[in-house]
Structures are given as C-alpha cells and as structure tokens.
N, C-alpha and C. Protein backbone atom coordinates (compact mmCIF):
# COMPACT_ATOMS: atom_id res chain seq x y z
N MET A 1 16.61 -27.87 -29.98
CA MET A 1 15.27 -27.37 -29.84
C MET A 1 15.16 -26.43 -28.64
N LYS A 2 15.89 -26.78 -27.56
CA LYS A 2 15.84 -25.94 -26.37
C LYS A 2 16.45 -24.56 -26.66
N SER A 3 17.51 -24.52 -27.45
CA SER A 3 18.14 -23.24 -27.74
C SER A 3 17.24 -22.35 -28.60
N LEU A 4 16.44 -22.98 -29.48
CA LEU A 4 15.50 -22.22 -30.29
C LEU A 4 14.40 -21.61 -29.42
N ALA A 5 13.88 -22.38 -28.48
CA ALA A 5 12.85 -21.87 -27.57
C ALA A 5 13.43 -20.78 -26.67
N PHE A 6 14.65 -21.00 -26.18
CA PHE A 6 15.29 -19.99 -25.35
C PHE A 6 15.54 -18.71 -26.13
N SER A 7 15.97 -18.83 -27.38
CA SER A 7 16.21 -17.66 -28.22
C SER A 7 14.92 -16.89 -28.48
N ALA A 8 13.84 -17.62 -28.73
CA ALA A 8 12.55 -16.97 -28.97
C ALA A 8 12.07 -16.26 -27.71
N LEU A 9 12.24 -16.88 -26.56
CA LEU A 9 11.85 -16.27 -25.30
C LEU A 9 12.69 -15.02 -25.02
N LEU A 10 13.97 -15.10 -25.27
CA LEU A 10 14.86 -13.96 -25.09
C LEU A 10 14.49 -12.82 -26.02
N LEU A 11 14.15 -13.13 -27.25
CA LEU A 11 13.73 -12.12 -28.21
C LEU A 11 12.44 -11.43 -27.76
N LEU A 12 11.49 -12.19 -27.26
CA LEU A 12 10.24 -11.61 -26.76
C LEU A 12 10.49 -10.69 -25.56
N VAL A 13 11.38 -11.09 -24.68
CA VAL A 13 11.70 -10.26 -23.52
C VAL A 13 12.35 -8.95 -23.97
N LEU A 14 13.27 -9.02 -24.90
CA LEU A 14 13.93 -7.81 -25.39
C LEU A 14 12.95 -6.89 -26.11
N ILE A 15 12.04 -7.44 -26.87
CA ILE A 15 11.05 -6.62 -27.56
C ILE A 15 10.12 -5.96 -26.57
N SER A 16 9.72 -6.69 -25.55
CA SER A 16 8.80 -6.11 -24.56
C SER A 16 9.48 -5.00 -23.77
N CYS A 17 10.79 -5.05 -23.61
CA CYS A 17 11.50 -3.99 -22.90
C CYS A 17 11.59 -2.71 -23.73
N THR A 18 11.56 -2.83 -25.04
CA THR A 18 11.71 -1.66 -25.89
C THR A 18 10.39 -0.97 -26.17
N VAL A 19 9.27 -1.64 -25.93
CA VAL A 19 7.96 -1.04 -26.18
C VAL A 19 7.72 0.03 -25.13
N THR A 20 7.36 1.23 -25.59
CA THR A 20 7.11 2.33 -24.66
C THR A 20 5.61 2.49 -24.44
N ASP A 21 5.28 2.97 -23.27
CA ASP A 21 3.88 3.23 -22.94
C ASP A 21 3.64 4.73 -23.13
N ASP A 22 2.94 5.10 -24.18
CA ASP A 22 2.72 6.50 -24.50
C ASP A 22 1.78 7.19 -23.52
N LEU A 23 1.05 6.44 -22.70
CA LEU A 23 0.12 7.04 -21.77
C LEU A 23 0.82 7.63 -20.55
N ARG A 24 1.99 7.13 -20.22
CA ARG A 24 2.73 7.64 -19.07
C ARG A 24 3.62 8.79 -19.51
N VAL A 25 3.64 9.82 -18.70
CA VAL A 25 4.43 11.01 -19.00
C VAL A 25 5.53 11.12 -17.96
N ASN A 26 6.76 11.34 -18.39
CA ASN A 26 7.86 11.55 -17.45
C ASN A 26 8.08 13.05 -17.33
N PRO A 27 7.61 13.66 -16.25
CA PRO A 27 7.71 15.11 -16.13
C PRO A 27 9.14 15.61 -15.99
N ASN A 28 10.07 14.76 -15.56
CA ASN A 28 11.45 15.19 -15.41
C ASN A 28 12.14 15.41 -16.75
N LEU A 29 11.58 14.85 -17.81
CA LEU A 29 12.16 15.02 -19.14
C LEU A 29 11.50 16.12 -19.94
N MET A 30 10.46 16.74 -19.39
CA MET A 30 9.71 17.76 -20.12
C MET A 30 10.31 19.14 -19.89
N THR A 31 10.21 20.00 -20.90
CA THR A 31 10.62 21.38 -20.75
C THR A 31 9.51 22.16 -20.07
N ASP A 32 9.82 23.39 -19.66
CA ASP A 32 8.81 24.22 -19.00
C ASP A 32 7.62 24.48 -19.91
N GLU A 33 7.88 24.70 -21.18
CA GLU A 33 6.79 24.95 -22.13
C GLU A 33 5.90 23.72 -22.28
N GLU A 34 6.49 22.54 -22.34
CA GLU A 34 5.71 21.31 -22.45
C GLU A 34 4.86 21.09 -21.20
N ILE A 35 5.39 21.45 -20.04
CA ILE A 35 4.64 21.30 -18.80
C ILE A 35 3.44 22.24 -18.79
N ILE A 36 3.62 23.46 -19.26
CA ILE A 36 2.51 24.42 -19.32
C ILE A 36 1.41 23.91 -20.23
N VAL A 37 1.79 23.39 -21.41
CA VAL A 37 0.79 22.85 -22.35
C VAL A 37 0.10 21.63 -21.74
N TYR A 38 0.86 20.77 -21.09
CA TYR A 38 0.28 19.58 -20.46
C TYR A 38 -0.71 19.97 -19.37
N ASN A 39 -0.34 20.94 -18.52
CA ASN A 39 -1.23 21.37 -17.43
C ASN A 39 -2.52 21.97 -17.97
N LYS A 40 -2.46 22.68 -19.09
CA LYS A 40 -3.68 23.24 -19.68
C LYS A 40 -4.61 22.16 -20.20
N SER A 41 -4.05 21.00 -20.57
CA SER A 41 -4.87 19.93 -21.13
C SER A 41 -5.49 19.05 -20.04
N GLN A 42 -5.08 19.21 -18.79
CA GLN A 42 -5.60 18.38 -17.71
C GLN A 42 -6.81 19.02 -17.05
N ASP A 43 -7.82 18.21 -16.78
CA ASP A 43 -9.04 18.70 -16.14
C ASP A 43 -8.89 18.77 -14.62
N ARG A 44 -8.29 17.73 -14.05
CA ARG A 44 -8.13 17.68 -12.59
C ARG A 44 -6.86 18.41 -12.16
N ILE A 45 -6.95 19.18 -11.09
CA ILE A 45 -5.80 19.92 -10.62
C ILE A 45 -4.74 18.97 -10.05
N TRP A 46 -5.16 17.81 -9.56
CA TRP A 46 -4.21 16.85 -8.99
C TRP A 46 -3.33 16.22 -10.07
N ASP A 47 -3.70 16.36 -11.34
CA ASP A 47 -2.89 15.84 -12.44
C ASP A 47 -1.92 16.87 -12.99
N HIS A 48 -1.95 18.09 -12.48
CA HIS A 48 -1.03 19.13 -12.94
C HIS A 48 0.38 18.81 -12.45
N ILE A 49 1.36 19.16 -13.28
CA ILE A 49 2.76 18.91 -12.95
C ILE A 49 3.37 20.16 -12.33
N VAL A 50 4.12 19.94 -11.25
CA VAL A 50 4.81 21.01 -10.56
C VAL A 50 6.28 20.63 -10.47
N CYS A 51 7.17 21.59 -10.68
CA CYS A 51 8.61 21.34 -10.59
C CYS A 51 9.21 22.20 -9.49
N ALA A 52 10.27 21.67 -8.88
CA ALA A 52 10.99 22.41 -7.85
C ALA A 52 12.47 22.08 -7.97
N ARG A 53 13.29 23.04 -7.62
CA ARG A 53 14.73 22.81 -7.56
C ARG A 53 15.08 22.63 -6.10
N GLU A 54 15.63 21.46 -5.77
CA GLU A 54 15.90 21.17 -4.37
C GLU A 54 17.14 20.30 -4.23
N PHE A 55 17.66 20.30 -3.01
CA PHE A 55 18.81 19.46 -2.67
C PHE A 55 18.30 18.06 -2.33
N ARG A 56 19.09 17.08 -2.59
CA ARG A 56 18.80 15.72 -2.15
C ARG A 56 19.88 15.31 -1.15
N VAL A 57 19.67 14.20 -0.53
CA VAL A 57 20.59 13.72 0.49
C VAL A 57 21.99 13.57 -0.10
N GLN A 58 22.99 14.01 0.65
CA GLN A 58 24.42 13.92 0.30
C GLN A 58 24.75 14.66 -0.99
N SER A 59 24.06 15.74 -1.28
CA SER A 59 24.37 16.53 -2.45
C SER A 59 24.17 18.01 -2.13
N HIS A 60 25.07 18.83 -2.62
CA HIS A 60 24.95 20.27 -2.43
C HIS A 60 24.53 20.95 -3.73
N ILE A 61 24.17 20.16 -4.71
CA ILE A 61 23.77 20.69 -6.01
C ILE A 61 22.25 20.59 -6.12
N LYS A 62 21.62 21.72 -6.43
CA LYS A 62 20.17 21.71 -6.62
C LYS A 62 19.86 21.05 -7.96
N LYS A 63 18.86 20.20 -7.94
CA LYS A 63 18.43 19.52 -9.14
C LYS A 63 16.93 19.72 -9.29
N ARG A 64 16.47 19.72 -10.51
CA ARG A 64 15.05 19.92 -10.80
C ARG A 64 14.31 18.59 -10.67
N TYR A 65 13.30 18.59 -9.81
CA TYR A 65 12.45 17.42 -9.62
C TYR A 65 11.02 17.82 -9.94
N CYS A 66 10.34 17.02 -10.74
CA CYS A 66 8.97 17.32 -11.15
C CYS A 66 8.07 16.13 -10.83
N GLY A 67 6.79 16.44 -10.63
CA GLY A 67 5.81 15.40 -10.40
C GLY A 67 4.42 16.01 -10.37
N THR A 68 3.42 15.15 -10.45
CA THR A 68 2.06 15.65 -10.36
C THR A 68 1.76 16.02 -8.91
N LEU A 69 0.74 16.83 -8.73
CA LEU A 69 0.37 17.24 -7.38
C LEU A 69 -0.02 16.04 -6.53
N SER A 70 -0.68 15.06 -7.12
CA SER A 70 -1.06 13.87 -6.34
C SER A 70 0.16 13.07 -5.92
N GLU A 71 1.17 12.95 -6.78
CA GLU A 71 2.40 12.25 -6.41
C GLU A 71 3.14 12.98 -5.30
N LEU A 72 3.23 14.30 -5.42
CA LEU A 72 3.91 15.09 -4.40
C LEU A 72 3.16 15.02 -3.08
N ASN A 73 1.84 15.05 -3.10
CA ASN A 73 1.04 14.93 -1.89
C ASN A 73 1.24 13.57 -1.23
N ARG A 74 1.25 12.52 -2.03
CA ARG A 74 1.46 11.16 -1.51
C ARG A 74 2.84 11.03 -0.88
N ARG A 75 3.86 11.60 -1.54
CA ARG A 75 5.22 11.53 -1.00
C ARG A 75 5.34 12.32 0.30
N ALA A 76 4.70 13.50 0.37
CA ALA A 76 4.76 14.31 1.58
C ALA A 76 4.05 13.62 2.74
N SER A 77 2.91 12.99 2.47
CA SER A 77 2.20 12.31 3.55
C SER A 77 2.97 11.09 4.03
N ALA A 78 3.63 10.37 3.12
CA ALA A 78 4.44 9.22 3.53
C ALA A 78 5.62 9.68 4.38
N THR A 79 6.24 10.79 4.00
CA THR A 79 7.36 11.32 4.78
C THR A 79 6.88 11.75 6.15
N GLY A 80 5.71 12.42 6.21
CA GLY A 80 5.15 12.83 7.49
C GLY A 80 4.84 11.65 8.38
N GLU A 81 4.31 10.57 7.81
CA GLU A 81 4.02 9.38 8.60
C GLU A 81 5.30 8.76 9.14
N GLN A 82 6.36 8.74 8.32
CA GLN A 82 7.63 8.19 8.79
C GLN A 82 8.19 9.03 9.93
N LEU A 83 8.12 10.35 9.81
CA LEU A 83 8.62 11.21 10.87
C LEU A 83 7.79 11.05 12.14
N ASN A 84 6.49 10.87 12.00
CA ASN A 84 5.63 10.68 13.15
C ASN A 84 5.97 9.38 13.87
N ILE A 85 6.25 8.34 13.12
CA ILE A 85 6.62 7.06 13.71
C ILE A 85 7.94 7.19 14.45
N ILE A 86 8.88 7.92 13.88
CA ILE A 86 10.18 8.08 14.51
C ILE A 86 10.05 8.89 15.79
N SER A 87 9.31 10.00 15.76
CA SER A 87 9.25 10.87 16.92
C SER A 87 8.31 10.35 18.00
N PHE A 88 7.29 9.60 17.63
CA PHE A 88 6.34 9.08 18.61
C PHE A 88 6.37 7.56 18.64
N GLY A 89 7.53 6.98 18.40
CA GLY A 89 7.65 5.53 18.35
C GLY A 89 7.24 4.87 19.65
N GLY A 90 7.56 3.63 19.79
CA GLY A 90 7.16 2.85 20.96
C GLY A 90 7.57 3.50 22.27
N GLY A 91 7.28 2.83 23.36
CA GLY A 91 7.55 3.35 24.69
C GLY A 91 9.04 3.49 24.96
N PRO A 92 9.38 3.78 26.20
CA PRO A 92 10.79 3.97 26.54
C PRO A 92 11.59 2.67 26.32
N LEU A 93 12.83 2.87 25.97
CA LEU A 93 13.67 1.72 25.68
C LEU A 93 14.25 1.08 26.94
N ILE A 94 14.34 1.85 28.01
CA ILE A 94 14.92 1.34 29.26
C ILE A 94 13.80 1.10 30.25
N TYR A 95 13.66 -0.14 30.69
CA TYR A 95 12.64 -0.49 31.67
C TYR A 95 13.34 -0.79 32.99
N ARG A 96 12.75 -0.34 34.07
CA ARG A 96 13.36 -0.60 35.39
C ARG A 96 12.49 -1.47 36.21
C-alpha cells in the first residue's frame, strides 16, 4: 500500500513539473521579431523587453541577455547597493 501511495505522489510531482505557465514569458528564448510584437502589446513601458549583448564573469564571449525594464532596473539598483556597501562599509578595520 505504501508503494502505491508513493507511486501516486511521484506521478503527481512529475506531472506538476511538466505543466507550463503560459503567463510567464522567457525573453531569452524570444527572437527579435517576437520581442517587437510583445513590446507593442504592452501598455506599461516597464514591461517592455530590452536585450543586450554583454560579457559575464569569467567569459570573453558576448552573450545575449534579455529582460523587462523593471527587472533590469531592479538588478541595477541591487548591484549599486552592493557596491555602495562595499565602498562605504563599516569603520576602519584597525583600531589603536
């Protein structure tokens, strides 16, 4: 009986993993034409998708990265906050 319940639970987990959410859009998989059509259908400018070709850490190959303006803004502000913490961190490390 336990193996039947375990099998049913495993089947439900596998089915839930295969169900896709059609409301979410992955901009990295879209072509330029699809991005243009998507941007025309959006009312808010923060929902528009923007792509850039850039280097990532430990790579000399430019890769295309896409995201909405709100995601890019959130990532830039988080990076700025991290840099601010690093450059203006706590007091001096050596006390006399």
